[in-house]
Protein backbone atom coordinates (compact mmCIF):
# COMPACT_ATOMS: atom_id res chain seq x y z
CA MET A 1 5.50 53.44 -36.92
CA ASP A 2 7.29 50.47 -35.65
CA ILE A 3 6.16 48.27 -32.40
CA GLN A 4 8.62 49.75 -30.17
CA THR A 5 7.08 53.26 -30.75
CA ILE A 6 3.48 51.72 -30.55
CA ILE A 7 4.54 50.30 -27.26
CA LYS A 8 5.98 53.49 -25.84
CA ASN A 9 2.71 55.42 -26.74
CA LEU A 10 0.23 53.18 -25.36
CA HIS A 11 -1.83 54.20 -22.33
CA PRO A 12 -2.27 51.74 -19.40
CA LEU A 13 -5.99 51.22 -20.44
CA GLU A 14 -4.97 50.09 -23.94
CA ILE A 15 -2.46 47.86 -22.37
CA LYS A 16 -4.71 45.94 -20.23
CA VAL A 17 -7.02 45.44 -23.03
CA LEU A 18 -4.34 44.06 -25.12
CA ARG A 19 -3.09 41.78 -22.28
CA ALA A 20 -6.47 40.61 -21.50
CA TYR A 21 -8.27 39.50 -24.72
CA ASN A 22 -7.29 38.09 -27.96
CA ALA A 23 -8.66 39.12 -31.52
CA LYS A 24 -11.50 36.44 -31.61
CA GLU A 25 -13.27 38.13 -28.79
CA GLU A 26 -15.90 40.35 -29.25
CA LEU A 27 -15.70 43.53 -26.65
CA THR A 28 -18.18 45.82 -25.56
CA SER A 29 -18.06 48.52 -22.78
CA GLU A 30 -20.09 46.58 -20.63
CA LYS A 31 -17.63 43.47 -20.75
CA LEU A 32 -14.78 45.83 -19.88
CA GLN A 33 -16.63 47.51 -16.85
CA LYS A 34 -17.15 43.90 -15.39
CA GLU A 35 -13.91 42.06 -15.89
CA LEU A 36 -11.46 44.93 -16.17
CA ASP A 37 -13.18 46.77 -13.56
CA TYR A 38 -13.31 49.77 -16.14
CA LYS A 39 -15.71 52.92 -15.56
CA GLU A 40 -17.90 53.20 -18.66
CA GLY A 41 -15.81 56.53 -19.80
CA HIS A 42 -12.59 54.33 -19.46
CA ALA A 43 -13.70 51.64 -21.73
CA ASN A 44 -14.78 53.96 -24.27
CA GLN A 45 -11.71 55.85 -24.36
CA ALA A 46 -9.74 52.50 -24.74
CA PHE A 47 -11.83 51.82 -27.64
CA SER A 48 -11.30 54.97 -29.23
CA TRP A 49 -7.36 55.08 -28.62
CA LEU A 50 -6.93 51.64 -29.97
CA SER A 51 -9.13 52.05 -32.84
CA GLY A 52 -7.06 55.41 -33.84
CA LYS A 53 -3.74 52.87 -33.82
CA GLY A 54 -5.45 50.60 -35.97
CA LEU A 55 -5.54 47.80 -33.12
CA MET A 56 -9.05 47.54 -32.72
CA GLU A 57 -12.26 47.67 -35.10
CA VAL A 58 -16.20 47.99 -34.84
CA VAL A 59 -17.85 44.54 -35.40
CA ARG A 60 -21.39 45.77 -35.28
CA LYS A 61 -23.65 48.51 -33.68
CA GLU A 62 -26.60 47.01 -31.72
CA PRO A 63 -29.58 49.23 -30.96
CA HIS A 64 -31.93 49.05 -27.97
CA THR A 65 -34.83 50.54 -26.87
CA PHE A 66 -35.34 51.18 -22.97
CA PHE A 67 -38.60 52.48 -21.20
CA GLU A 68 -37.48 54.63 -18.13
CA ILE A 69 -39.61 55.56 -15.36
CA THR A 70 -40.41 59.51 -14.86
CA GLU A 71 -40.81 61.11 -11.47
CA LEU A 72 -44.51 60.95 -12.57
CA GLY A 73 -44.03 57.40 -12.89
CA ARG A 74 -42.77 56.91 -9.29
CA LYS A 75 -45.66 58.73 -8.28
CA PHE A 76 -48.29 56.47 -9.80
CA ALA A 77 -46.28 53.42 -8.59
CA GLU A 78 -46.45 54.64 -5.06
CA GLN A 79 -49.89 56.29 -5.02
CA GLY A 80 -51.63 54.47 -7.88
CA THR A 81 -52.67 55.89 -11.30
CA PRO A 82 -55.38 58.32 -11.39
CA GLU A 83 -57.69 55.73 -13.00
CA LEU A 84 -57.09 53.53 -10.21
CA ARG A 85 -57.43 55.91 -7.42
CA ILE A 86 -60.82 57.26 -8.86
CA ILE A 87 -62.24 53.68 -9.14
CA LYS A 88 -61.13 52.83 -5.62
CA PHE A 89 -62.73 56.22 -4.42
CA LEU A 90 -66.05 55.51 -6.10
CA LYS A 91 -66.02 51.99 -4.86
CA GLU A 92 -65.60 53.68 -1.25
CA LYS A 93 -67.44 56.57 -1.36
CA GLY A 94 -70.08 56.08 -3.78
CA PRO A 95 -71.04 58.57 -6.74
CA HIS A 96 -69.21 61.98 -6.99
CA ALA A 97 -69.25 64.90 -9.30
CA LEU A 98 -65.67 65.11 -11.23
CA PRO A 99 -64.68 68.26 -9.39
CA GLN A 100 -65.49 66.61 -6.01
CA ILE A 101 -63.18 63.80 -7.05
CA ALA A 102 -60.42 66.03 -8.37
CA SER A 103 -60.44 67.87 -5.07
CA ALA A 104 -60.76 64.79 -2.94
CA LEU A 105 -57.76 62.99 -4.36
CA SER A 106 -55.71 66.39 -5.01
CA LEU A 107 -56.10 65.51 -8.80
CA GLU A 108 -56.16 68.30 -11.66
CA ASN A 109 -59.52 68.46 -13.61
CA LYS A 110 -58.24 67.62 -16.61
CA ASP A 111 -56.76 64.35 -15.44
CA VAL A 112 -59.89 63.17 -13.76
CA GLY A 113 -61.91 64.09 -16.90
CA SER A 114 -59.39 62.16 -18.98
CA ALA A 115 -59.61 59.18 -16.91
CA PHE A 116 -63.09 59.05 -16.69
CA GLY A 117 -63.33 59.46 -20.32
CA THR A 118 -61.12 56.53 -21.04
CA LEU A 119 -62.95 54.41 -18.46
CA SER A 120 -66.57 55.15 -19.45
CA LYS A 121 -65.93 54.30 -23.13
CA GLU A 122 -64.71 50.70 -21.55
CA GLY A 123 -67.85 50.40 -19.49
CA ILE A 124 -66.12 50.87 -16.20
CA LEU A 125 -67.51 54.21 -15.16
CA SER A 126 -70.68 56.30 -16.02
CA MET A 127 -72.68 59.23 -15.39
CA ASP A 128 -75.87 59.02 -13.30
CA SER A 129 -78.79 61.56 -13.91
CA GLU A 130 -77.36 63.95 -11.29
CA LYS A 131 -74.22 64.27 -13.52
CA LYS A 132 -72.35 62.03 -10.83
CA ALA A 133 -69.35 59.55 -11.71
CA VAL A 134 -70.41 55.82 -10.91
CA PHE A 135 -68.55 52.46 -10.60
CA SER A 136 -70.43 49.98 -12.94
CA GLY A 137 -68.88 47.04 -10.85
CA LYS A 138 -67.29 45.20 -13.84
CA ASP A 139 -63.67 43.78 -13.76
CA LEU A 140 -61.06 45.77 -14.80
CA PRO A 141 -59.74 45.97 -18.18
CA PRO A 142 -56.36 44.05 -18.51
CA ARG A 143 -54.16 47.17 -19.56
CA ILE A 144 -54.87 48.69 -16.12
CA THR A 145 -53.34 45.81 -14.19
CA PHE A 146 -50.31 45.43 -16.80
CA THR A 147 -49.69 49.17 -16.32
CA GLU A 148 -49.63 48.79 -12.54
CA LYS A 149 -46.96 45.59 -13.22
CA LEU A 150 -45.03 47.88 -15.37
CA LEU A 151 -44.68 50.65 -13.14
CA ALA A 152 -43.74 48.19 -10.25
CA LYS A 153 -41.04 46.41 -12.35
CA ALA A 154 -39.59 49.74 -13.48
CA LYS A 155 -39.46 51.24 -10.12
CA SER A 156 -37.38 48.25 -8.78
CA ALA A 157 -35.28 47.94 -11.72
CA ILE A 158 -31.68 49.41 -11.82
CA ASN A 159 -31.88 53.03 -12.90
CA GLY A 160 -35.40 52.54 -13.31
CA LEU A 161 -34.91 50.79 -16.92
CA ILE A 162 -36.72 48.20 -18.64
CA GLU A 163 -35.26 46.97 -22.11
CA GLN A 164 -38.03 46.34 -24.82
CA THR A 165 -36.75 42.95 -25.32
CA GLN A 166 -37.55 41.77 -21.97
CA LEU A 167 -41.16 42.75 -22.08
CA LEU A 168 -44.41 40.54 -23.39
CA LYS A 169 -46.05 41.41 -26.19
CA GLU A 170 -48.79 42.88 -24.46
CA GLU A 171 -46.65 44.98 -22.11
CA ASN A 172 -45.04 46.13 -25.38
CA SER A 173 -48.62 47.36 -26.54
CA ILE A 174 -49.38 48.99 -23.37
CA ILE A 175 -45.94 50.81 -22.41
CA GLY A 176 -45.83 52.62 -25.68
CA ASP A 177 -49.07 54.44 -25.22
CA LEU A 178 -47.80 55.42 -21.72
CA ALA A 179 -44.24 56.47 -23.01
CA LYS A 180 -42.86 59.51 -25.10
CA LYS A 181 -39.57 60.45 -26.35
CA ARG A 182 -39.86 64.38 -25.49
CA GLY A 183 -42.26 66.16 -23.24
CA ALA A 184 -42.35 63.10 -20.89
CA SER A 185 -42.65 65.29 -17.78
CA ASN A 186 -46.42 63.96 -18.09
CA SER A 187 -46.16 60.63 -18.96
CA PRO A 188 -45.02 57.51 -16.63
CA PHE A 189 -42.45 56.46 -18.98
CA ARG A 190 -39.62 58.12 -21.36
CA ILE A 191 -38.37 56.30 -24.33
CA VAL A 192 -34.43 55.94 -23.98
CA GLU A 193 -32.74 54.57 -27.33
CA ARG A 194 -29.15 53.45 -26.95
CA GLU A 195 -26.71 51.57 -29.09
CA THR A 196 -24.25 49.04 -27.91
CA VAL A 197 -20.77 49.16 -30.01
CA VAL A 198 -19.27 45.65 -30.65
CA TYR A 199 -15.29 45.86 -30.93
CA LYS A 200 -12.73 43.37 -31.53
CA LEU A 201 -9.08 43.44 -31.92
CA THR A 202 -7.29 43.42 -35.04
CA ASP A 203 -4.67 40.87 -36.45
CA ALA A 204 -2.04 43.70 -35.66
CA ALA A 205 -2.83 43.64 -32.15
CA ALA A 206 -1.61 40.08 -31.45
CA GLU A 207 1.92 41.28 -32.52
CA ILE A 208 1.70 44.26 -30.09
CA LYS A 209 0.29 41.91 -27.35
CA LYS A 210 2.93 39.28 -27.65
CA ALA A 211 5.75 42.53 -27.67
CA LEU A 212 4.04 43.48 -24.38
CA GLU A 213 4.43 40.39 -22.77
CA ASP A 214 8.03 39.92 -23.63
CA ALA A 215 8.69 43.10 -22.36
CA GLY A 216 6.95 42.40 -19.14
CA VAL A 217 4.63 45.58 -19.71
CA THR A 218 1.30 44.90 -17.88
CA GLY A 219 -0.29 48.22 -17.58
CA ASN A 220 -0.17 48.65 -13.99
CA GLU A 221 3.34 50.57 -14.22
CA THR A 222 3.55 53.50 -11.67
CA GLY A 223 3.07 56.79 -13.74
CA THR A 224 2.98 59.07 -11.17
CA ILE A 225 5.91 59.94 -8.37
CA THR A 226 3.99 61.06 -5.25
CA SER A 227 5.03 62.16 -1.68
CA LYS A 228 3.46 58.78 -0.36
CA ILE A 229 5.81 56.40 -2.55
CA LEU A 230 8.84 58.17 -1.57
CA ILE A 231 8.18 58.43 2.21
CA ASP A 232 6.95 54.91 2.18
CA GLY A 233 9.99 53.45 0.14
CA SER A 234 7.61 51.50 -2.15
CA TRP A 235 8.98 53.14 -5.21
CA LYS A 236 12.32 51.01 -4.97
CA ASN A 237 9.90 47.86 -6.00
CA SER A 238 7.69 49.69 -8.60
CA SER A 239 8.05 49.55 -12.17
CA PHE A 240 7.64 53.06 -13.90
CA ARG A 241 5.70 54.07 -17.24
CA GLY A 242 8.33 55.91 -19.69
CA TYR A 243 8.36 59.78 -20.37
CA ASN A 244 8.37 61.24 -23.59
CA ILE A 245 10.50 64.57 -22.67
CA SER A 246 10.23 65.41 -26.30
CA ILE A 247 6.04 66.48 -26.26
CA PRO A 248 6.04 70.25 -26.87
CA PRO A 249 4.85 72.16 -23.66
CA ALA A 250 1.24 73.49 -24.17
CA ARG A 251 0.33 76.66 -25.70
CA ILE A 252 0.09 79.75 -23.46
CA ILE A 253 -2.96 81.54 -25.04
CA PRO A 254 -4.40 84.84 -23.57
CA GLY A 255 -8.20 84.81 -22.39
CA ARG A 256 -10.64 86.17 -24.63
CA THR A 257 -14.39 86.94 -24.15
CA ASN A 258 -16.66 84.32 -25.86
CA ALA A 259 -17.76 84.97 -29.30
CA TYR A 260 -21.40 84.46 -28.52
CA VAL A 261 -21.22 86.67 -25.24
CA SER A 262 -19.68 89.21 -27.36
CA PHE A 263 -22.74 88.90 -29.82
CA LEU A 264 -25.23 89.16 -27.10
CA GLU A 265 -23.50 92.43 -25.78
CA SER A 266 -23.85 94.03 -29.45
CA VAL A 267 -27.15 93.23 -29.43
CA LYS A 268 -27.76 95.24 -26.09
CA ASP A 269 -25.68 97.99 -27.38
CA LYS A 270 -27.70 98.29 -30.68
CA LEU A 271 -30.89 98.41 -28.87
CA CYS A 272 -29.77 100.90 -26.04
CA SER A 273 -28.55 103.25 -28.97
CA LEU A 274 -32.00 103.28 -30.44
CA GLY A 275 -33.52 104.49 -26.97
CA PHE A 276 -34.70 101.23 -25.45
CA GLU A 277 -34.71 100.46 -21.78
CA GLU A 278 -33.38 97.02 -20.48
CA PHE A 279 -35.69 94.63 -18.33
CA ASP A 280 -35.09 91.33 -16.60
CA GLY A 281 -36.32 88.98 -14.45
CA PRO A 282 -35.96 85.42 -12.63
CA LEU A 283 -35.71 82.06 -14.36
CA VAL A 284 -38.58 80.80 -12.20
CA GLU A 285 -41.81 82.06 -12.90
CA SER A 286 -45.28 81.36 -11.88
CA GLU A 287 -47.92 80.01 -14.67
CA PHE A 288 -49.63 83.23 -14.24
CA TRP A 289 -47.08 85.43 -15.74
CA ASN A 290 -45.75 82.82 -17.98
CA CYS A 291 -49.03 82.11 -19.78
CA ASP A 292 -52.15 83.45 -17.82
CA ALA A 293 -51.12 86.94 -17.88
CA LEU A 294 -50.65 86.38 -21.62
CA PHE A 295 -54.13 85.16 -22.32
CA MET A 296 -53.05 81.57 -22.92
CA PRO A 297 -56.06 79.38 -21.80
CA GLN A 298 -55.43 77.28 -18.89
CA PHE A 299 -56.85 73.83 -20.44
CA HIS A 300 -56.51 74.34 -24.04
CA ALA A 301 -54.18 73.05 -26.85
CA ALA A 302 -52.64 76.44 -27.42
CA ARG A 303 -50.61 75.80 -24.10
CA ASP A 304 -49.02 72.96 -25.66
CA ILE A 305 -46.15 74.54 -27.53
CA HIS A 306 -45.06 75.45 -24.17
CA ASP A 307 -43.86 72.14 -22.87
CA VAL A 308 -42.29 73.61 -19.55
CA TYR A 309 -40.20 72.30 -16.64
CA SER A 310 -41.98 72.27 -13.53
CA ILE A 311 -40.15 73.15 -10.03
CA LYS A 312 -40.12 70.37 -7.46
CA ASN A 313 -39.76 72.18 -4.61
CA PRO A 314 -42.01 74.66 -4.04
CA THR A 315 -44.19 73.83 -6.31
CA HIS A 316 -46.38 76.90 -6.16
CA ALA A 317 -45.86 80.31 -5.52
CA LYS A 318 -47.26 81.76 -2.08
CA SER A 319 -49.43 84.40 -4.11
CA ILE A 320 -50.13 86.35 -7.28
CA GLU A 321 -49.99 90.37 -7.00
CA GLU A 322 -53.41 92.13 -7.23
CA PRO A 323 -55.23 93.40 -8.92
CA PHE A 324 -53.47 91.55 -11.83
CA LEU A 325 -54.69 88.18 -10.55
CA SER A 326 -58.42 89.21 -10.68
CA ASN A 327 -58.13 91.32 -13.66
CA VAL A 328 -56.49 88.48 -15.93
CA ALA A 329 -59.11 85.78 -14.23
CA ALA A 330 -61.92 88.14 -15.26
CA ALA A 331 -60.58 88.34 -18.81
CA HIS A 332 -60.06 84.50 -19.12
CA LYS A 333 -63.56 84.04 -17.95
CA ASP A 334 -65.86 86.57 -19.59
CA GLY A 335 -63.44 89.17 -20.58
CA GLY A 336 -63.93 91.40 -18.00
CA ASN A 337 -63.27 95.11 -18.93
CA THR A 338 -61.41 94.30 -22.07
CA GLY A 339 -64.39 94.33 -24.26
CA SER A 340 -63.87 90.67 -24.77
CA ARG A 341 -65.70 87.40 -24.22
CA GLY A 342 -62.76 85.61 -22.77
CA TRP A 343 -62.34 81.78 -22.91
CA ASN A 344 -65.67 81.04 -21.06
CA TYR A 345 -64.34 79.02 -18.47
CA ASP A 346 -63.70 78.99 -14.62
CA PHE A 347 -60.22 80.46 -13.73
CA ASP A 348 -58.13 77.84 -11.87
CA HIS A 349 -56.67 79.92 -8.91
CA GLU A 350 -54.41 77.02 -7.87
CA MET A 351 -52.75 75.88 -11.11
CA THR A 352 -52.12 79.96 -11.78
CA ARG A 353 -49.55 79.87 -8.72
CA ARG A 354 -47.39 76.75 -10.18
CA LEU A 355 -44.01 77.37 -10.35
CA ILE A 356 -42.19 76.61 -13.75
CA LEU A 357 -39.00 77.57 -15.41
CA ARG A 358 -39.94 80.63 -17.88
CA SER A 359 -40.79 78.99 -21.47
CA GLN A 360 -40.75 82.14 -23.08
CA GLY A 361 -39.20 85.83 -23.13
CA THR A 362 -42.70 87.20 -23.43
CA VAL A 363 -43.05 86.70 -19.57
CA LEU A 364 -40.68 89.93 -19.10
CA SER A 365 -42.89 92.00 -21.30
CA ALA A 366 -46.14 90.73 -19.11
CA HIS A 367 -44.12 91.86 -16.09
CA GLN A 368 -43.31 95.17 -17.59
CA LEU A 369 -46.71 96.43 -18.86
CA ALA A 370 -47.93 97.01 -15.37
CA LYS A 371 -45.06 99.68 -14.76
CA ALA A 372 -43.96 100.90 -18.40
CA LYS A 373 -44.21 104.65 -19.17
CA ILE A 374 -46.21 105.38 -22.48
CA PRO A 375 -44.86 105.97 -24.75
CA GLY A 376 -42.05 103.70 -23.86
CA LYS A 377 -39.56 100.95 -25.55
CA TYR A 378 -38.30 98.27 -23.69
CA PHE A 379 -36.25 95.04 -24.34
CA GLY A 380 -34.58 92.16 -22.52
CA ILE A 381 -32.37 88.85 -23.48
CA ALA A 382 -33.91 85.91 -21.32
CA ARG A 383 -32.74 82.45 -20.98
CA CYS A 384 -35.86 80.28 -21.71
CA PHE A 385 -36.09 76.45 -21.44
CA ARG A 386 -38.44 74.04 -23.10
CA TYR A 387 -38.36 70.10 -23.38
CA ASP A 388 -37.54 70.19 -27.16
CA LYS A 389 -35.78 67.84 -29.32
CA VAL A 390 -32.16 69.44 -29.86
CA ASP A 391 -31.09 69.71 -33.40
CA ALA A 392 -29.76 72.26 -35.63
CA THR A 393 -32.14 74.97 -34.84
CA HIS A 394 -33.48 74.03 -31.92
CA LEU A 395 -32.06 73.81 -28.01
CA SER A 396 -34.00 73.04 -24.80
CA ASP A 397 -31.90 76.03 -23.00
CA PHE A 398 -32.21 78.94 -25.15
CA TYR A 399 -31.97 82.60 -25.46
CA GLN A 400 -34.76 85.08 -26.84
CA THR A 401 -34.48 88.87 -26.94
CA GLU A 402 -37.73 90.14 -25.97
CA GLY A 403 -39.10 93.48 -26.58
CA ILE A 404 -42.39 95.90 -26.43
CA VAL A 405 -43.21 99.07 -28.08
CA LEU A 406 -46.19 101.06 -26.32
CA GLY A 407 -47.64 104.32 -27.79
CA ASP A 408 -50.60 105.77 -29.40
CA ASP A 409 -49.00 106.11 -32.94
CA VAL A 410 -47.37 102.58 -33.19
CA ASN A 411 -48.77 99.82 -35.54
CA LEU A 412 -48.12 96.86 -37.67
CA LYS A 413 -45.70 98.65 -40.12
CA THR A 414 -43.90 100.26 -37.02
CA LEU A 415 -43.40 96.41 -35.97
CA LEU A 416 -42.10 95.09 -39.70
CA GLY A 417 -39.52 97.89 -39.53
CA PHE A 418 -38.02 96.56 -36.17
CA LEU A 419 -38.26 93.06 -37.35
CA GLU A 420 -36.37 93.98 -40.39
CA MET A 421 -33.67 95.53 -38.03
CA PHE A 422 -33.34 92.13 -36.38
CA ALA A 423 -32.99 90.03 -39.39
CA VAL A 424 -31.02 92.44 -41.65
CA GLU A 425 -28.63 94.52 -39.46
CA ILE A 426 -28.61 92.04 -36.47
CA ALA A 427 -28.51 88.69 -37.86
CA GLY A 428 -27.22 89.82 -41.22
CA ALA A 429 -29.54 88.15 -43.44
CA THR A 430 -29.94 88.82 -47.27
CA GLU A 431 -33.59 87.26 -47.59
CA VAL A 432 -36.51 87.83 -45.16
CA LYS A 433 -39.82 87.20 -45.39
CA TYR A 434 -42.81 87.86 -43.07
CA VAL A 435 -45.55 84.94 -42.22
CA PRO A 436 -49.00 85.07 -40.63
CA GLY A 437 -48.68 83.11 -37.33
CA TYR A 438 -50.93 82.25 -34.51
CA PHE A 439 -50.02 83.33 -30.77
CA PRO A 440 -53.09 83.70 -27.85
CA PHE A 441 -51.57 86.93 -26.89
CA THR A 442 -51.09 89.07 -30.01
CA GLU A 443 -53.45 90.14 -33.08
CA PRO A 444 -52.47 90.37 -35.56
CA SER A 445 -49.51 88.15 -35.26
CA VAL A 446 -46.54 87.50 -37.63
CA GLU A 447 -43.40 85.31 -37.79
CA VAL A 448 -40.35 86.58 -39.46
CA HIS A 449 -38.16 83.94 -41.25
CA ILE A 450 -34.71 84.30 -42.74
CA LYS A 451 -32.62 82.04 -45.29
CA HIS A 452 -29.37 80.60 -44.04
CA PRO A 453 -27.20 79.42 -46.75
CA VAL A 454 -26.78 76.09 -45.51
CA LEU A 455 -29.92 75.31 -43.34
CA GLY A 456 -32.64 76.96 -45.75
CA TRP A 457 -35.51 79.00 -44.49
CA PHE A 458 -36.17 78.80 -40.69
CA GLU A 459 -38.09 80.98 -38.27
CA LEU A 460 -36.50 83.94 -36.32
CA GLY A 461 -39.20 84.48 -33.98
CA GLY A 462 -42.70 85.76 -33.56
CA SER A 463 -44.42 88.94 -32.82
CA GLY A 464 -47.49 90.79 -33.13
CA ILE A 465 -49.73 93.48 -31.36
CA PHE A 466 -50.98 92.56 -27.91
CA ARG A 467 -54.43 91.75 -27.49
CA PRO A 468 -56.69 94.27 -25.10
CA GLU A 469 -57.11 91.05 -22.86
CA VAL A 470 -53.51 91.20 -21.98
CA THR A 471 -52.71 94.97 -21.96
CA LYS A 472 -56.00 96.45 -20.17
CA ALA A 473 -55.59 93.44 -17.56
CA MET A 474 -52.06 95.24 -16.43
CA GLY A 475 -53.60 98.67 -16.61
CA VAL A 476 -52.56 99.71 -20.42
CA ASP A 477 -54.74 101.17 -22.78
CA CYS A 478 -52.98 101.66 -26.01
CA PRO A 479 -51.48 99.72 -28.87
CA VAL A 480 -48.47 97.55 -27.62
CA LEU A 481 -46.21 95.98 -30.03
CA ALA A 482 -44.38 92.79 -29.02
CA TRP A 483 -41.85 90.00 -30.27
CA GLY A 484 -39.90 87.36 -29.25
CA ILE A 485 -36.77 86.55 -31.62
CA GLY A 486 -34.36 83.79 -31.32
CA ILE A 487 -31.17 85.35 -30.59
CA ASP A 488 -29.54 82.21 -30.95
CA ARG A 489 -31.02 81.99 -34.44
CA MET A 490 -29.60 85.28 -34.96
CA ALA A 491 -26.33 84.17 -33.95
CA LEU A 492 -26.19 81.57 -35.97
CA MET A 493 -26.62 83.71 -39.06
CA ALA A 494 -24.21 86.28 -37.90
CA LEU A 495 -21.43 84.05 -36.78
CA GLY A 496 -21.53 81.65 -40.01
CA LEU A 497 -22.56 78.59 -38.16
CA ASN A 498 -24.75 75.64 -39.55
CA ASP A 499 -25.76 74.51 -36.08
CA LEU A 500 -26.65 75.80 -32.48
CA ARG A 501 -25.08 73.40 -30.60
CA GLU A 502 -21.67 74.98 -32.02
CA LEU A 503 -22.71 78.10 -30.05
CA PHE A 504 -22.03 75.97 -26.78
CA SER A 505 -19.25 73.95 -28.28
CA SER A 506 -16.55 72.38 -26.09
CA ASP A 507 -14.03 72.76 -28.90
CA ILE A 508 -11.88 75.45 -27.87
CA GLU A 509 -10.08 75.93 -31.13
CA GLN A 510 -13.38 76.75 -32.92
CA VAL A 511 -14.42 79.03 -30.16
CA ARG A 512 -11.25 81.13 -30.85
CA LEU A 513 -11.91 80.78 -34.27
CA ARG A 514 -15.31 82.22 -34.01
CA LYS A 515 -13.99 84.95 -32.07
CA ALA A 516 -11.48 85.96 -34.60
CA LYS A 517 -14.63 86.57 -37.29
CA LEU A 518 -15.95 89.19 -34.92
């Protein structure tokens, strides 16, 4: 391609970069934003286009680690950390029991217990003979002071970001314990990793730059004729960009249903043809239906697998339906009428009303149990949300097909038959295996795994037979089969894909290709 052809195909964003810099200068997106008044997207687009024409090359990539203050961190910066608030409270009010402190400071019991445990190890707090927390009067450890300073610094920083290289050695050590890459909703800082790409113009760009200067092309040429410039006459003194009339027009392609949507509809049709009734529910749920009704203990590590998104406003549901609240609370405390010993703790009626985005489709089954017919078969396709690291087999926003089968004659063999149907007939897998699993709400629990030709073995979903602590609390006294299958993962196999993110690709050609395969 000759120089004149290249010039004709240059965008103003490219022209301004070529005119402003020479091959010796190192260029970054930040430099173009500052000196050429580009937006970040414009700078990256210019780099991409110039690199594609061989006029720019990458010099190096510089990794950067930042610590971003979270909503919880901003709250700590304004109100103080739980540790500081507890110390201040005990200084002013004297010894108090931990539940009293939690109530007075509007903190959760687990946060007060965790703070007390750390401070007692450091000799700042202790427990007296009446089981009340007491302040020792000792100087506060340096980490508390550093934490306060870090929170204040991040709160006042641009975009709430602190770069790791700007921190002292002691600050880096402390902030490392306060920050998380994922699940940062319960941490004051979130770890953000970014990369600065450094470019420079190639030697070939010098010749193009000279040709632009000789032709008087600045990049400020008018590209669009508007009614305004026609009316005010400014077009007469304007320099216009060239137009390429040989560019072919865009294809006219008829609209089609998205391939993944078609797959979801096919799963619904399959289950309805087998006599299942469909159920549905809201995206926003209470902790009660999402976790408590499924016999997941409120303060146990078993709940950690459901790293949920909390709702900012309103934060809590007004009430929970009875008699389900009382039945579930009794099941957690001492088993109630389920024949179980329960989890042996005092059920938190405040926590159970907390609103979240549902983290699992099983919440629909919990709702359905209270109104299900026996015998009965039900299913739903639920959009779920978890704070998860996105990769080829995980998304933070995903779909599950959830189902329950109620009846006196159903058993584990029946359940395995349904799982085989999902794996073989719907997902199209040729190799299937069943693995023992653990879920607080089912016993026995089974995971179904399938083998992908590229990704290998991965879990398709979990299943089991609901525990009586779940069913009896909802008024059901018969075996209930339950499953939660990752329908995104079934589509991964059925549509011949190697990455879940391809289901939601912005590449329209790939979307059309997947539709053609169905």
